[in-house]
Amino acid sequence: MTETVGVDQVLIDWSSIRRQRIEDVLEGLTYTYAQYQGWLPGEKARHGMGWQAAQDTRWPL
């Protein structure tokens, strides 16, 4: 494992877990989109779904 100077390991671990959660949510959004539309999303839709996945995985403020 590579250390990142000045960054707490807890933050690094949380970031990795969040990235995986975002990818999981994005997979579900993509599946739902394809089921509804009948085709995979284009670039603009993928961008929007990526943003939505990131928002859906945020900690409550």
PDB file of N, CA and C in Angstrom:
ATOM      1  N   MET A   1       0.846  -1.177   0.000  1.00  0.00           N
ATOM      2  CA  MET A   1       0.000   0.000   0.000  1.00  0.00           C
ATOM      3  C   MET A   1       0.892   1.240   0.000  1.00  0.00           C
ATOM      4  N   THR A   2       0.540   2.222  -0.770  1.00  0.00           N
ATOM      5  CA  THR A   2       1.305   3.455  -0.866  1.00  0.00           C
ATOM      6  C   THR A   2       0.758   4.475   0.113  1.00  0.00           C
ATOM      7  N   GLU A   3       1.670   5.133   0.840  1.00  0.00           N
ATOM      8  CA  GLU A   3       1.249   6.178   1.764  1.00  0.00           C
ATOM      9  C   GLU A   3       1.174   7.508   1.041  1.00  0.00           C
ATOM     10  N   THR A   4       0.218   8.308   1.408  1.00  0.00           N
ATOM     11  CA  THR A   4       0.103   9.664   0.900  1.00  0.00           C
ATOM     12  C   THR A   4       0.456  10.592   2.047  1.00  0.00           C
ATOM     13  N   VAL A   5       1.538  11.334   1.877  1.00  0.00           N
ATOM     14  CA  VAL A   5       2.035  12.191   2.941  1.00  0.00           C
ATOM     15  C   VAL A   5       1.011  13.272   3.281  1.00  0.00           C
ATOM     16  N   GLY A   6       0.708  13.394   4.563  1.00  0.00           N
ATOM     17  CA  GLY A   6      -0.189  14.445   5.031  1.00  0.00           C
ATOM     18  C   GLY A   6      -1.668  14.132   4.947  1.00  0.00           C
ATOM     19  N   VAL A   7      -2.021  12.949   4.455  1.00  0.00           N
ATOM     20  CA  VAL A   7      -3.435  12.586   4.350  1.00  0.00           C
ATOM     21  C   VAL A   7      -3.702  11.423   5.304  1.00  0.00           C
ATOM     22  N   ASP A   8      -4.658  11.613   6.173  1.00  0.00           N
ATOM     23  CA  ASP A   8      -5.020  10.617   7.166  1.00  0.00           C
ATOM     24  C   ASP A   8      -5.527   9.344   6.482  1.00  0.00           C
ATOM     25  N   GLN A   9      -5.119   8.189   6.974  1.00  0.00           N
ATOM     26  CA  GLN A   9      -5.524   6.908   6.385  1.00  0.00           C
ATOM     27  C   GLN A   9      -7.039   6.729   6.421  1.00  0.00           C
ATOM     28  N   VAL A  10      -7.695   7.242   7.446  1.00  0.00           N
ATOM     29  CA  VAL A  10      -9.159   7.139   7.539  1.00  0.00           C
ATOM     30  C   VAL A  10      -9.812   7.845   6.352  1.00  0.00           C
ATOM     31  N   LEU A  11      -9.291   9.019   5.988  1.00  0.00           N
ATOM     32  CA  LEU A  11      -9.830   9.757   4.846  1.00  0.00           C
ATOM     33  C   LEU A  11      -9.587   8.999   3.540  1.00  0.00           C
ATOM     34  N   ILE A  12      -8.414   8.410   3.408  1.00  0.00           N
ATOM     35  CA  ILE A  12      -8.106   7.624   2.206  1.00  0.00           C
ATOM     36  C   ILE A  12      -9.060   6.442   2.096  1.00  0.00           C
ATOM     37  N   ASP A  13      -9.262   5.730   3.206  1.00  0.00           N
ATOM     38  CA  ASP A  13     -10.166   4.578   3.190  1.00  0.00           C
ATOM     39  C   ASP A  13     -11.596   4.999   2.869  1.00  0.00           C
ATOM     40  N   TRP A  14     -12.066   6.107   3.473  1.00  0.00           N
ATOM     41  CA  TRP A  14     -13.417   6.592   3.207  1.00  0.00           C
ATOM     42  C   TRP A  14     -13.583   6.949   1.735  1.00  0.00           C
ATOM     43  N   SER A  15     -12.563   7.584   1.166  1.00  0.00           N
ATOM     44  CA  SER A  15     -12.623   7.981  -0.238  1.00  0.00           C
ATOM     45  C   SER A  15     -12.753   6.761  -1.146  1.00  0.00           C
ATOM     46  N   SER A  16     -12.012   5.708  -0.846  1.00  0.00           N
ATOM     47  CA  SER A  16     -12.083   4.487  -1.649  1.00  0.00           C
ATOM     48  C   SER A  16     -13.456   3.839  -1.547  1.00  0.00           C
ATOM     49  N   ILE A  17     -13.993   3.806  -0.338  1.00  0.00           N
ATOM     50  CA  ILE A  17     -15.316   3.221  -0.136  1.00  0.00           C
ATOM     51  C   ILE A  17     -16.373   4.058  -0.847  1.00  0.00           C
ATOM     52  N   ARG A  18     -16.266   5.374  -0.763  1.00  0.00           N
ATOM     53  CA  ARG A  18     -17.252   6.238  -1.421  1.00  0.00           C
ATOM     54  C   ARG A  18     -17.189   6.051  -2.928  1.00  0.00           C
ATOM     55  N   ARG A  19     -15.986   5.968  -3.482  1.00  0.00           N
ATOM     56  CA  ARG A  19     -15.850   5.783  -4.932  1.00  0.00           C
ATOM     57  C   ARG A  19     -16.572   4.510  -5.365  1.00  0.00           C
ATOM     58  N   GLN A  20     -16.417   3.446  -4.583  1.00  0.00           N
ATOM     59  CA  GLN A  20     -17.082   2.193  -4.908  1.00  0.00           C
ATOM     60  C   GLN A  20     -18.601   2.356  -4.808  1.00  0.00           C
ATOM     61  N   ARG A  21     -19.060   3.091  -3.789  1.00  0.00           N
ATOM     62  CA  ARG A  21     -20.506   3.337  -3.650  1.00  0.00           C
ATOM     63  C   ARG A  21     -21.031   4.127  -4.839  1.00  0.00           C
ATOM     64  N   ILE A  22     -20.280   5.139  -5.287  1.00  0.00           N
ATOM     65  CA  ILE A  22     -20.694   5.930  -6.447  1.00  0.00           C
ATOM     66  C   ILE A  22     -20.813   5.027  -7.666  1.00  0.00           C
ATOM     67  N   GLU A  23     -19.825   4.166  -7.881  1.00  0.00           N
ATOM     68  CA  GLU A  23     -19.866   3.257  -9.027  1.00  0.00           C
ATOM     69  C   GLU A  23     -21.061   2.316  -8.946  1.00  0.00           C
ATOM     70  N   ASP A  24     -21.369   1.824  -7.744  1.00  0.00           N
ATOM     71  CA  ASP A  24     -22.527   0.941  -7.570  1.00  0.00           C
ATOM     72  C   ASP A  24     -23.835   1.657  -7.893  1.00  0.00           C
ATOM     73  N   VAL A  25     -23.980   2.884  -7.383  1.00  0.00           N
ATOM     74  CA  VAL A  25     -25.201   3.664  -7.645  1.00  0.00           C
ATOM     75  C   VAL A  25     -25.292   3.986  -9.133  1.00  0.00           C
ATOM     76  N   LEU A  26     -24.175   4.348  -9.744  1.00  0.00           N
ATOM     77  CA  LEU A  26     -24.165   4.673 -11.169  1.00  0.00           C
ATOM     78  C   LEU A  26     -24.563   3.469 -12.015  1.00  0.00           C
ATOM     79  N   GLU A  27     -24.129   2.297 -11.618  1.00  0.00           N
ATOM     80  CA  GLU A  27     -24.519   1.078 -12.332  1.00  0.00           C
ATOM     81  C   GLU A  27     -26.037   0.895 -12.288  1.00  0.00           C
ATOM     82  N   GLY A  28     -26.618   1.131 -11.118  1.00  0.00           N
ATOM     83  CA  GLY A  28     -28.073   1.016 -10.987  1.00  0.00           C
ATOM     84  C   GLY A  28     -28.812   2.059 -11.801  1.00  0.00           C
ATOM     85  N   LEU A  29     -28.320   3.286 -11.791  1.00  0.00           N
ATOM     86  CA  LEU A  29     -28.946   4.340 -12.582  1.00  0.00           C
ATOM     87  C   LEU A  29     -28.865   4.030 -14.081  1.00  0.00           C
ATOM     88  N   THR A  30     -27.720   3.509 -14.510  1.00  0.00           N
ATOM     89  CA  THR A  30     -27.539   3.158 -15.920  1.00  0.00           C
ATOM     90  C   THR A  30     -28.495   2.035 -16.316  1.00  0.00           C
ATOM     91  N   TYR A  31     -28.637   1.051 -15.451  1.00  0.00           N
ATOM     92  CA  TYR A  31     -29.552  -0.056 -15.727  1.00  0.00           C
ATOM     93  C   TYR A  31     -30.988   0.448 -15.855  1.00  0.00           C
ATOM     94  N   THR A  32     -31.391   1.287 -14.916  1.00  0.00           N
ATOM     95  CA  THR A  32     -32.752   1.838 -14.948  1.00  0.00           C
ATOM     96  C   THR A  32     -32.981   2.659 -16.205  1.00  0.00           C
ATOM     97  N   TYR A  33     -32.007   3.483 -16.575  1.00  0.00           N
ATOM     98  CA  TYR A  33     -32.107   4.297 -17.781  1.00  0.00           C
ATOM     99  C   TYR A  33     -32.289   3.404 -19.013  1.00  0.00           C
ATOM    100  N   ALA A  34     -31.443   2.365 -19.109  1.00  0.00           N
ATOM    101  CA  ALA A  34     -31.505   1.471 -20.269  1.00  0.00           C
ATOM    102  C   ALA A  34     -32.834   0.729 -20.330  1.00  0.00           C
ATOM    103  N   GLN A  35     -33.362   0.349 -19.183  1.00  0.00           N
ATOM    104  CA  GLN A  35     -34.657  -0.340 -19.161  1.00  0.00           C
ATOM    105  C   GLN A  35     -35.772   0.594 -19.628  1.00  0.00           C
ATOM    106  N   TYR A  36     -35.725   1.840 -19.193  1.00  0.00           N
ATOM    107  CA  TYR A  36     -36.767   2.811 -19.530  1.00  0.00           C
ATOM    108  C   TYR A  36     -36.652   3.292 -20.972  1.00  0.00           C
ATOM    109  N   GLN A  37     -35.435   3.621 -21.405  1.00  0.00           N
ATOM    110  CA  GLN A  37     -35.223   4.195 -22.736  1.00  0.00           C
ATOM    111  C   GLN A  37     -35.062   3.145 -23.833  1.00  0.00           C
ATOM    112  N   GLY A  38     -34.530   1.982 -23.461  1.00  0.00           N
ATOM    113  CA  GLY A  38     -34.294   0.940 -24.462  1.00  0.00           C
ATOM    114  C   GLY A  38     -32.901   1.016 -25.072  1.00  0.00           C
ATOM    115  N   TRP A  39     -32.062   1.908 -24.584  1.00  0.00           N
ATOM    116  CA  TRP A  39     -30.672   2.021 -25.047  1.00  0.00           C
ATOM    117  C   TRP A  39     -29.826   2.590 -23.910  1.00  0.00           C
ATOM    118  N   LEU A  40     -28.516   2.450 -24.066  1.00  0.00           N
ATOM    119  CA  LEU A  40     -27.613   2.982 -23.056  1.00  0.00           C
ATOM    120  C   LEU A  40     -27.556   4.504 -23.139  1.00  0.00           C
ATOM    121  N   PRO A  41     -27.273   5.157 -22.020  1.00  0.00           N
ATOM    122  CA  PRO A  41     -27.239   6.621 -22.023  1.00  0.00           C
ATOM    123  C   PRO A  41     -26.072   7.173 -22.821  1.00  0.00           C
ATOM    124  N   GLY A  42     -26.285   8.338 -23.404  1.00  0.00           N
ATOM    125  CA  GLY A  42     -25.227   9.045 -24.111  1.00  0.00           C
ATOM    126  C   GLY A  42     -24.360   9.817 -23.132  1.00  0.00           C
ATOM    127  N   GLU A  43     -23.433  10.582 -23.675  1.00  0.00           N
ATOM    128  CA  GLU A  43     -22.469  11.313 -22.851  1.00  0.00           C
ATOM    129  C   GLU A  43     -23.140  12.279 -21.872  1.00  0.00           C
ATOM    130  N   LYS A  44     -24.100  13.050 -22.341  1.00  0.00           N
ATOM    131  CA  LYS A  44     -24.764  14.029 -21.482  1.00  0.00           C
ATOM    132  C   LYS A  44     -25.520  13.343 -20.348  1.00  0.00           C
ATOM    133  N   ALA A  45     -26.233  12.275 -20.664  1.00  0.00           N
ATOM    134  CA  ALA A  45     -26.980  11.537 -19.642  1.00  0.00           C
ATOM    135  C   ALA A  45     -26.025  10.870 -18.654  1.00  0.00           C
ATOM    136  N   ARG A  46     -24.915  10.302 -19.144  1.00  0.00           N
ATOM    137  CA  ARG A  46     -23.927   9.682 -18.249  1.00  0.00           C
ATOM    138  C   ARG A  46     -23.342  10.710 -17.287  1.00  0.00           C
ATOM    139  N   HIS A  47     -23.088  11.896 -17.790  1.00  0.00           N
ATOM    140  CA  HIS A  47     -22.565  12.959 -16.939  1.00  0.00           C
ATOM    141  C   HIS A  47     -23.567  13.290 -15.832  1.00  0.00           C
ATOM    142  N   GLY A  48     -24.820  13.447 -16.211  1.00  0.00           N
ATOM    143  CA  GLY A  48     -25.860  13.745 -15.230  1.00  0.00           C
ATOM    144  C   GLY A  48     -26.043  12.633 -14.211  1.00  0.00           C
ATOM    145  N   MET A  49     -25.974  11.400 -14.676  1.00  0.00           N
ATOM    146  CA  MET A  49     -26.113  10.275 -13.750  1.00  0.00           C
ATOM    147  C   MET A  49     -24.901  10.177 -12.830  1.00  0.00           C
ATOM    148  N   GLY A  50     -23.712  10.516 -13.318  1.00  0.00           N
ATOM    149  CA  GLY A  50     -22.529  10.540 -12.461  1.00  0.00           C
ATOM    150  C   GLY A  50     -22.679  11.566 -11.358  1.00  0.00           C
ATOM    151  N   TRP A  51     -23.197  12.734 -11.719  1.00  0.00           N
ATOM    152  CA  TRP A  51     -23.440  13.778 -10.723  1.00  0.00           C
ATOM    153  C   TRP A  51     -24.470  13.285  -9.700  1.00  0.00           C
ATOM    154  N   GLN A  52     -25.546  12.676 -10.189  1.00  0.00           N
ATOM    155  CA  GLN A  52     -26.594  12.185  -9.286  1.00  0.00           C
ATOM    156  C   GLN A  52     -26.048  11.111  -8.358  1.00  0.00           C
ATOM    157  N   ALA A  53     -25.244  10.209  -8.875  1.00  0.00           N
ATOM    158  CA  ALA A  53     -24.657   9.152  -8.044  1.00  0.00           C
ATOM    159  C   ALA A  53     -23.775   9.754  -6.959  1.00  0.00           C
ATOM    160  N   ALA A  54     -23.007  10.773  -7.302  1.00  0.00           N
ATOM    161  CA  ALA A  54     -22.155  11.433  -6.311  1.00  0.00           C
ATOM    162  C   ALA A  54     -23.001  12.107  -5.237  1.00  0.00           C
ATOM    163  N   GLN A  55     -24.099  12.737  -5.634  1.00  0.00           N
ATOM    164  CA  GLN A  55     -24.982  13.392  -4.661  1.00  0.00           C
ATOM    165  C   GLN A  55     -25.653  12.360  -3.758  1.00  0.00           C
ATOM    166  N   ASP A  56     -26.049  11.249  -4.341  1.00  0.00           N
ATOM    167  CA  ASP A  56     -26.752  10.211  -3.576  1.00  0.00           C
ATOM    168  C   ASP A  56     -25.854   9.531  -2.543  1.00  0.00           C
ATOM    169  N   THR A  57     -24.542   9.634  -2.704  1.00  0.00           N
ATOM    170  CA  THR A  57     -23.624   8.981  -1.788  1.00  0.00           C
ATOM    171  C   THR A  57     -22.950   9.944  -0.822  1.00  0.00           C
ATOM    172  N   ARG A  58     -23.392  11.194  -0.803  1.00  0.00           N
ATOM    173  CA  ARG A  58     -22.813  12.169   0.111  1.00  0.00           C
ATOM    174  C   ARG A  58     -23.291  11.916   1.531  1.00  0.00           C
ATOM    175  N   TRP A  59     -22.443  12.276   2.488  1.00  0.00           N
ATOM    176  CA  TRP A  59     -22.858  12.251   3.884  1.00  0.00           C
ATOM    177  C   TRP A  59     -23.854  13.371   4.088  1.00  0.00           C
ATOM    178  N   PRO A  60     -24.809  13.165   4.977  1.00  0.00           N
ATOM    179  CA  PRO A  60     -25.754  14.259   5.273  1.00  0.00           C
ATOM    180  C   PRO A  60     -24.996  15.467   5.834  1.00  0.00           C
ATOM    181  N   LEU A  61     -25.369  16.632   5.370  1.00  0.00           N
ATOM    182  CA  LEU A  61     -24.706  17.852   5.844  1.00  0.00           C
ATOM    183  C   LEU A  61     -25.353  18.381   7.093  1.00  0.00           C
TER     184      LEU A  61
END
